Amino acid sequence: MRKFMKTRLLPLLIALTLFFSALGGRPAHAAAPTVSAKSAILIDMRGGQVLWEKNAYEPLPPASTTKILTAITAIEN
């Protein structure tokens, strides 16, 4: 039994582990997320690739949070 594990089972387990780790554990065609925002974008931070976008390049007015942070930064400096 021990010889069987070393010669047959262990290489099989290693091959399966490498195969499934190469897949990344992600489905090939995941469904797009449902977002109620007018515009959104999802970017892979490692490579900078756009993974998903919704009206990402449509000009929109700045959000209120952006306006507040800009005001705080201007006041502090």
PDB file of N, CA and C in Angstrom:
ATOM      1  N   MET A   1       0.829  -1.197   0.000  1.00  0.00           N
ATOM      2  CA  MET A   1       0.000   0.000   0.000  1.00  0.00           C
ATOM      3  C   MET A   1       0.871   1.257   0.000  1.00  0.00           C
ATOM      4  N   ARG A   2       1.924   1.255   0.756  1.00  0.00           N
ATOM      5  CA  ARG A   2       2.800   2.415   0.852  1.00  0.00           C
ATOM      6  C   ARG A   2       3.478   2.710  -0.502  1.00  0.00           C
ATOM      7  N   LYS A   3       3.884   1.648  -1.193  1.00  0.00           N
ATOM      8  CA  LYS A   3       4.508   1.812  -2.497  1.00  0.00           C
ATOM      9  C   LYS A   3       3.498   2.377  -3.499  1.00  0.00           C
ATOM     10  N   PHE A   4       2.256   1.916  -3.426  1.00  0.00           N
ATOM     11  CA  PHE A   4       1.194   2.416  -4.303  1.00  0.00           C
ATOM     12  C   PHE A   4       1.004   3.920  -4.113  1.00  0.00           C
ATOM     13  N   MET A   5       1.024   4.370  -2.858  1.00  0.00           N
ATOM     14  CA  MET A   5       0.832   5.788  -2.571  1.00  0.00           C
ATOM     15  C   MET A   5       1.977   6.612  -3.146  1.00  0.00           C
ATOM     16  N   LYS A   6       3.198   6.109  -3.026  1.00  0.00           N
ATOM     17  CA  LYS A   6       4.343   6.864  -3.520  1.00  0.00           C
ATOM     18  C   LYS A   6       4.389   6.897  -5.039  1.00  0.00           C
ATOM     19  N   THR A   7       4.074   5.796  -5.684  1.00  0.00           N
ATOM     20  CA  THR A   7       4.248   5.712  -7.129  1.00  0.00           C
ATOM     21  C   THR A   7       3.028   6.151  -7.922  1.00  0.00           C
ATOM     22  N   ARG A   8       1.841   6.021  -7.399  1.00  0.00           N
ATOM     23  CA  ARG A   8       0.634   6.321  -8.181  1.00  0.00           C
ATOM     24  C   ARG A   8      -0.205   7.463  -7.591  1.00  0.00           C
ATOM     25  N   LEU A   9      -0.486   7.387  -6.326  1.00  0.00           N
ATOM     26  CA  LEU A   9      -1.414   8.329  -5.721  1.00  0.00           C
ATOM     27  C   LEU A   9      -0.793   9.714  -5.514  1.00  0.00           C
ATOM     28  N   LEU A  10       0.424   9.773  -5.033  1.00  0.00           N
ATOM     29  CA  LEU A  10       1.057  11.063  -4.770  1.00  0.00           C
ATOM     30  C   LEU A  10       1.240  11.884  -6.049  1.00  0.00           C
ATOM     31  N   PRO A  11       1.782  11.311  -7.136  1.00  0.00           N
ATOM     32  CA  PRO A  11       1.873  12.107  -8.374  1.00  0.00           C
ATOM     33  C   PRO A  11       0.508  12.548  -8.908  1.00  0.00           C
ATOM     34  N   LEU A  12      -0.497  11.721  -8.742  1.00  0.00           N
ATOM     35  CA  LEU A  12      -1.840  12.093  -9.173  1.00  0.00           C
ATOM     36  C   LEU A  12      -2.368  13.281  -8.368  1.00  0.00           C
ATOM     37  N   LEU A  13      -2.167  13.249  -7.064  1.00  0.00           N
ATOM     38  CA  LEU A  13      -2.614  14.361  -6.214  1.00  0.00           C
ATOM     39  C   LEU A  13      -1.866  15.644  -6.545  1.00  0.00           C
ATOM     40  N   ILE A  14      -0.574  15.535  -6.806  1.00  0.00           N
ATOM     41  CA  ILE A  14       0.209  16.723  -7.166  1.00  0.00           C
ATOM     42  C   ILE A  14      -0.281  17.284  -8.500  1.00  0.00           C
ATOM     43  N   ALA A  15      -0.520  16.423  -9.482  1.00  0.00           N
ATOM     44  CA  ALA A  15      -1.006  16.876 -10.787  1.00  0.00           C
ATOM     45  C   ALA A  15      -2.366  17.554 -10.666  1.00  0.00           C
ATOM     46  N   LEU A  16      -3.268  16.984  -9.882  1.00  0.00           N
ATOM     47  CA  LEU A  16      -4.589  17.588  -9.700  1.00  0.00           C
ATOM     48  C   LEU A  16      -4.495  18.940  -8.989  1.00  0.00           C
ATOM     49  N   THR A  17      -3.626  19.022  -8.003  1.00  0.00           N
ATOM     50  CA  THR A  17      -3.438  20.284  -7.282  1.00  0.00           C
ATOM     51  C   THR A  17      -2.927  21.365  -8.227  1.00  0.00           C
ATOM     52  N   LEU A  18      -1.942  21.032  -9.048  1.00  0.00           N
ATOM     53  CA  LEU A  18      -1.406  22.012  -9.997  1.00  0.00           C
ATOM     54  C   LEU A  18      -2.453  22.409 -11.033  1.00  0.00           C
ATOM     55  N   PHE A  19      -3.235  21.444 -11.500  1.00  0.00           N
ATOM     56  CA  PHE A  19      -4.267  21.729 -12.485  1.00  0.00           C
ATOM     57  C   PHE A  19      -5.307  22.703 -11.936  1.00  0.00           C
ATOM     58  N   PHE A  20      -5.816  22.427 -10.738  1.00  0.00           N
ATOM     59  CA  PHE A  20      -6.861  23.280 -10.185  1.00  0.00           C
ATOM     60  C   PHE A  20      -6.318  24.627  -9.720  1.00  0.00           C
ATOM     61  N   SER A  21      -5.060  24.698  -9.308  1.00  0.00           N
ATOM     62  CA  SER A  21      -4.501  25.999  -8.934  1.00  0.00           C
ATOM     63  C   SER A  21      -4.281  26.854 -10.175  1.00  0.00           C
ATOM     64  N   ALA A  22      -4.014  26.230 -11.332  1.00  0.00           N
ATOM     65  CA  ALA A  22      -3.867  26.984 -12.580  1.00  0.00           C
ATOM     66  C   ALA A  22      -5.193  27.586 -13.021  1.00  0.00           C
ATOM     67  N   LEU A  23      -6.285  26.942 -12.693  1.00  0.00           N
ATOM     68  CA  LEU A  23      -7.596  27.484 -13.040  1.00  0.00           C
ATOM     69  C   LEU A  23      -7.929  28.731 -12.240  1.00  0.00           C
ATOM     70  N   GLY A  24      -7.331  28.878 -11.083  1.00  0.00           N
ATOM     71  CA  GLY A  24      -7.556  30.060 -10.266  1.00  0.00           C
ATOM     72  C   GLY A  24      -8.812  30.015  -9.433  1.00  0.00           C
ATOM     73  N   GLY A  25      -9.577  28.958  -9.528  1.00  0.00           N
ATOM     74  CA  GLY A  25     -10.782  28.825  -8.723  1.00  0.00           C
ATOM     75  C   GLY A  25     -11.899  29.761  -9.127  1.00  0.00           C
ATOM     76  N   ARG A  26     -11.826  30.340 -10.334  1.00  0.00           N
ATOM     77  CA  ARG A  26     -12.845  31.271 -10.789  1.00  0.00           C
ATOM     78  C   ARG A  26     -13.591  30.684 -11.978  1.00  0.00           C
ATOM     79  N   PRO A  27     -14.871  30.939 -12.074  1.00  0.00           N
ATOM     80  CA  PRO A  27     -15.585  30.483 -13.265  1.00  0.00           C
ATOM     81  C   PRO A  27     -15.120  31.265 -14.492  1.00  0.00           C
ATOM     82  N   ALA A  28     -15.136  30.628 -15.648  1.00  0.00           N
ATOM     83  CA  ALA A  28     -14.661  31.273 -16.867  1.00  0.00           C
ATOM     84  C   ALA A  28     -15.548  32.446 -17.267  1.00  0.00           C
ATOM     85  N   HIS A  29     -16.863  32.312 -17.103  1.00  0.00           N
ATOM     86  CA  HIS A  29     -17.780  33.374 -17.498  1.00  0.00           C
ATOM     87  C   HIS A  29     -18.692  33.709 -16.328  1.00  0.00           C
ATOM     88  N   ALA A  30     -18.208  34.563 -15.444  1.00  0.00           N
ATOM     89  CA  ALA A  30     -19.004  34.969 -14.291  1.00  0.00           C
ATOM     90  C   ALA A  30     -20.053  35.989 -14.731  1.00  0.00           C
ATOM     91  N   ALA A  31     -21.184  35.992 -14.072  1.00  0.00           N
ATOM     92  CA  ALA A  31     -22.250  36.941 -14.387  1.00  0.00           C
ATOM     93  C   ALA A  31     -21.829  38.344 -13.964  1.00  0.00           C
ATOM     94  N   ALA A  32     -22.237  39.331 -14.730  1.00  0.00           N
ATOM     95  CA  ALA A  32     -21.924  40.720 -14.408  1.00  0.00           C
ATOM     96  C   ALA A  32     -22.662  41.128 -13.141  1.00  0.00           C
ATOM     97  N   PRO A  33     -22.002  41.912 -12.281  1.00  0.00           N
ATOM     98  CA  PRO A  33     -22.674  42.341 -11.048  1.00  0.00           C
ATOM     99  C   PRO A  33     -23.799  43.331 -11.343  1.00  0.00           C
ATOM    100  N   THR A  34     -24.769  43.369 -10.461  1.00  0.00           N
ATOM    101  CA  THR A  34     -25.858  44.328 -10.563  1.00  0.00           C
ATOM    102  C   THR A  34     -25.498  45.536  -9.712  1.00  0.00           C
ATOM    103  N   VAL A  35     -25.379  46.688 -10.354  1.00  0.00           N
ATOM    104  CA  VAL A  35     -24.964  47.913  -9.667  1.00  0.00           C
ATOM    105  C   VAL A  35     -25.985  48.994  -9.964  1.00  0.00           C
ATOM    106  N   SER A  36     -26.465  49.665  -8.925  1.00  0.00           N
ATOM    107  CA  SER A  36     -27.471  50.708  -9.131  1.00  0.00           C
ATOM    108  C   SER A  36     -26.840  52.069  -9.432  1.00  0.00           C
ATOM    109  N   ALA A  37     -25.534  52.194  -9.322  1.00  0.00           N
ATOM    110  CA  ALA A  37     -24.858  53.465  -9.593  1.00  0.00           C
ATOM    111  C   ALA A  37     -24.925  53.808 -11.079  1.00  0.00           C
ATOM    112  N   LYS A  38     -24.806  55.101 -11.406  1.00  0.00           N
ATOM    113  CA  LYS A  38     -24.798  55.522 -12.808  1.00  0.00           C
ATOM    114  C   LYS A  38     -23.526  55.065 -13.513  1.00  0.00           C
ATOM    115  N   SER A  39     -22.437  54.979 -12.769  1.00  0.00           N
ATOM    116  CA  SER A  39     -21.147  54.636 -13.346  1.00  0.00           C
ATOM    117  C   SER A  39     -20.339  53.840 -12.332  1.00  0.00           C
ATOM    118  N   ALA A  40     -19.590  52.853 -12.817  1.00  0.00           N
ATOM    119  CA  ALA A  40     -18.744  52.043 -11.930  1.00  0.00           C
ATOM    120  C   ALA A  40     -17.659  51.382 -12.771  1.00  0.00           C
ATOM    121  N   ILE A  41     -16.562  51.017 -12.106  1.00  0.00           N
ATOM    122  CA  ILE A  41     -15.472  50.329 -12.800  1.00  0.00           C
ATOM    123  C   ILE A  41     -14.763  49.402 -11.813  1.00  0.00           C
ATOM    124  N   LEU A  42     -14.354  48.238 -12.304  1.00  0.00           N
ATOM    125  CA  LEU A  42     -13.613  47.263 -11.509  1.00  0.00           C
ATOM    126  C   LEU A  42     -12.289  47.020 -12.216  1.00  0.00           C
ATOM    127  N   ILE A  43     -11.175  47.323 -11.534  1.00  0.00           N
ATOM    128  CA  ILE A  43      -9.844  47.240 -12.134  1.00  0.00           C
ATOM    129  C   ILE A  43      -8.984  46.276 -11.338  1.00  0.00           C
ATOM    130  N   ASP A  44      -8.245  45.420 -12.045  1.00  0.00           N
ATOM    131  CA  ASP A  44      -7.266  44.534 -11.413  1.00  0.00           C
ATOM    132  C   ASP A  44      -6.071  45.395 -11.031  1.00  0.00           C
ATOM    133  N   MET A  45      -5.805  45.528  -9.746  1.00  0.00           N
ATOM    134  CA  MET A  45      -4.745  46.417  -9.273  1.00  0.00           C
ATOM    135  C   MET A  45      -3.353  45.915  -9.623  1.00  0.00           C
ATOM    136  N   ARG A  46      -3.183  44.621  -9.812  1.00  0.00           N
ATOM    137  CA  ARG A  46      -1.864  44.089 -10.157  1.00  0.00           C
ATOM    138  C   ARG A  46      -1.469  44.455 -11.579  1.00  0.00           C
ATOM    139  N   GLY A  47      -2.392  44.298 -12.511  1.00  0.00           N
ATOM    140  CA  GLY A  47      -2.058  44.524 -13.913  1.00  0.00           C
ATOM    141  C   GLY A  47      -2.677  45.763 -14.520  1.00  0.00           C
ATOM    142  N   GLY A  48      -3.627  46.373 -13.820  1.00  0.00           N
ATOM    143  CA  GLY A  48      -4.289  47.563 -14.327  1.00  0.00           C
ATOM    144  C   GLY A  48      -5.346  47.275 -15.381  1.00  0.00           C
ATOM    145  N   GLN A  49      -5.702  46.016 -15.556  1.00  0.00           N
ATOM    146  CA  GLN A  49      -6.688  45.631 -16.559  1.00  0.00           C
ATOM    147  C   GLN A  49      -8.096  45.914 -16.043  1.00  0.00           C
ATOM    148  N   VAL A  50      -8.938  46.496 -16.900  1.00  0.00           N
ATOM    149  CA  VAL A  50     -10.337  46.739 -16.555  1.00  0.00           C
ATOM    150  C   VAL A  50     -11.076  45.412 -16.647  1.00  0.00           C
ATOM    151  N   LEU A  51     -11.630  44.957 -15.524  1.00  0.00           N
ATOM    152  CA  LEU A  51     -12.338  43.684 -15.477  1.00  0.00           C
ATOM    153  C   LEU A  51     -13.823  43.842 -15.809  1.00  0.00           C
ATOM    154  N   TRP A  52     -14.386  44.970 -15.391  1.00  0.00           N
ATOM    155  CA  TRP A  52     -15.809  45.240 -15.628  1.00  0.00           C
ATOM    156  C   TRP A  52     -16.029  46.733 -15.524  1.00  0.00           C
ATOM    157  N   GLU A  53     -16.932  47.246 -16.343  1.00  0.00           N
ATOM    158  CA  GLU A  53     -17.258  48.670 -16.268  1.00  0.00           C
ATOM    159  C   GLU A  53     -18.713  48.909 -16.656  1.00  0.00           C
ATOM    160  N   LYS A  54     -19.246  49.962 -16.098  1.00  0.00           N
ATOM    161  CA  LYS A  54     -20.596  50.408 -16.438  1.00  0.00           C
ATOM    162  C   LYS A  54     -20.517  51.916 -16.626  1.00  0.00           C
ATOM    163  N   ASN A  55     -20.637  52.381 -17.856  1.00  0.00           N
ATOM    164  CA  ASN A  55     -20.549  53.815 -18.182  1.00  0.00           C
ATOM    165  C   ASN A  55     -19.299  54.452 -17.574  1.00  0.00           C
ATOM    166  N   ALA A  56     -18.194  53.736 -17.608  1.00  0.00           N
ATOM    167  CA  ALA A  56     -16.971  54.203 -16.947  1.00  0.00           C
ATOM    168  C   ALA A  56     -16.403  55.466 -17.584  1.00  0.00           C
ATOM    169  N   TYR A  57     -16.671  55.686 -18.855  1.00  0.00           N
ATOM    170  CA  TYR A  57     -16.065  56.823 -19.544  1.00  0.00           C
ATOM    171  C   TYR A  57     -17.062  57.933 -19.838  1.00  0.00           C
ATOM    172  N   GLU A  58     -18.253  57.826 -19.263  1.00  0.00           N
ATOM    173  CA  GLU A  58     -19.268  58.867 -19.416  1.00  0.00           C
ATOM    174  C   GLU A  58     -18.982  59.998 -18.433  1.00  0.00           C
ATOM    175  N   PRO A  59     -18.854  61.242 -18.913  1.00  0.00           N
ATOM    176  CA  PRO A  59     -18.591  62.359 -17.997  1.00  0.00           C
ATOM    177  C   PRO A  59     -19.762  62.566 -17.028  1.00  0.00           C
ATOM    178  N   LEU A  60     -19.452  62.623 -15.754  1.00  0.00           N
ATOM    179  CA  LEU A  60     -20.458  62.843 -14.709  1.00  0.00           C
ATOM    180  C   LEU A  60     -19.920  63.889 -13.739  1.00  0.00           C
ATOM    181  N   PRO A  61     -20.814  64.613 -13.065  1.00  0.00           N
ATOM    182  CA  PRO A  61     -20.338  65.572 -12.067  1.00  0.00           C
ATOM    183  C   PRO A  61     -19.686  64.843 -10.892  1.00  0.00           C
ATOM    184  N   PRO A  62     -18.741  65.497 -10.199  1.00  0.00           N
ATOM    185  CA  PRO A  62     -18.084  64.842  -9.058  1.00  0.00           C
ATOM    186  C   PRO A  62     -19.083  64.485  -7.957  1.00  0.00           C
ATOM    187  N   ALA A  63     -18.807  63.421  -7.276  1.00  0.00           N
ATOM    188  CA  ALA A  63     -19.656  62.991  -6.156  1.00  0.00           C
ATOM    189  C   ALA A  63     -19.477  63.940  -4.978  1.00  0.00           C
ATOM    190  N   SER A  64     -20.447  63.962  -4.087  1.00  0.00           N
ATOM    191  CA  SER A  64     -20.391  64.841  -2.920  1.00  0.00           C
ATOM    192  C   SER A  64     -19.172  64.565  -2.060  1.00  0.00           C
ATOM    193  N   THR A  65     -18.802  63.302  -1.908  1.00  0.00           N
ATOM    194  CA  THR A  65     -17.635  62.951  -1.102  1.00  0.00           C
ATOM    195  C   THR A  65     -16.379  63.566  -1.702  1.00  0.00           C
ATOM    196  N   THR A  66     -16.261  63.545  -3.016  1.00  0.00           N
ATOM    197  CA  THR A  66     -15.098  64.138  -3.674  1.00  0.00           C
ATOM    198  C   THR A  66     -15.054  65.634  -3.420  1.00  0.00           C
ATOM    199  N   LYS A  67     -16.197  66.286  -3.483  1.00  0.00           N
ATOM    200  CA  LYS A  67     -16.248  67.733  -3.237  1.00  0.00           C
ATOM    201  C   LYS A  67     -15.825  68.049  -1.801  1.00  0.00           C
ATOM    202  N   ILE A  68     -16.304  67.279  -0.847  1.00  0.00           N
ATOM    203  CA  ILE A  68     -15.973  67.516   0.571  1.00  0.00           C
ATOM    204  C   ILE A  68     -14.478  67.297   0.810  1.00  0.00           C
ATOM    205  N   LEU A  69     -13.925  66.196   0.279  1.00  0.00           N
ATOM    206  CA  LEU A  69     -12.493  65.938   0.473  1.00  0.00           C
ATOM    207  C   LEU A  69     -11.630  66.991  -0.198  1.00  0.00           C
ATOM    208  N   THR A  70     -12.059  67.485  -1.353  1.00  0.00           N
ATOM    209  CA  THR A  70     -11.317  68.562  -2.009  1.00  0.00           C
ATOM    210  C   THR A  70     -11.341  69.827  -1.160  1.00  0.00           C
ATOM    211  N   ALA A  71     -12.490  70.147  -0.592  1.00  0.00           N
ATOM    212  CA  ALA A  71     -12.601  71.320   0.272  1.00  0.00           C
ATOM    213  C   ALA A  71     -11.736  71.193   1.508  1.00  0.00           C
ATOM    214  N   ILE A  72     -11.744  70.021   2.140  1.00  0.00           N
ATOM    215  CA  ILE A  72     -10.924  69.787   3.344  1.00  0.00           C
ATOM    216  C   ILE A  72      -9.439  69.924   3.010  1.00  0.00           C
ATOM    217  N   THR A  73      -9.032  69.345   1.890  1.00  0.00           N
ATOM    218  CA  THR A  73      -7.623  69.417   1.472  1.00  0.00           C
ATOM    219  C   THR A  73      -7.228  70.862   1.205  1.00  0.00           C
ATOM    220  N   ALA A  74      -8.104  71.631   0.553  1.00  0.00           N
ATOM    221  CA  ALA A  74      -7.808  73.045   0.270  1.00  0.00           C
ATOM    222  C   ALA A  74      -7.697  73.853   1.551  1.00  0.00           C
ATOM    223  N   ILE A  75      -8.577  73.603   2.518  1.00  0.00           N
ATOM    224  CA  ILE A  75      -8.553  74.338   3.791  1.00  0.00           C
ATOM    225  C   ILE A  75      -7.294  73.987   4.586  1.00  0.00           C
ATOM    226  N   GLU A  76      -6.932  72.711   4.615  1.00  0.00           N
ATOM    227  CA  GLU A  76      -5.761  72.281   5.387  1.00  0.00           C
ATOM    228  C   GLU A  76      -4.458  72.804   4.795  1.00  0.00           C
ATOM    229  N   ASN A  77      -4.425  72.986   3.489  1.00  0.00           N
ATOM    230  CA  ASN A  77      -3.186  73.463   2.846  1.00  0.00           C
ATOM    231  C   ASN A  77      -3.258  74.930   2.580  1.00  0.00           C
TER     232      ASN A  77
END
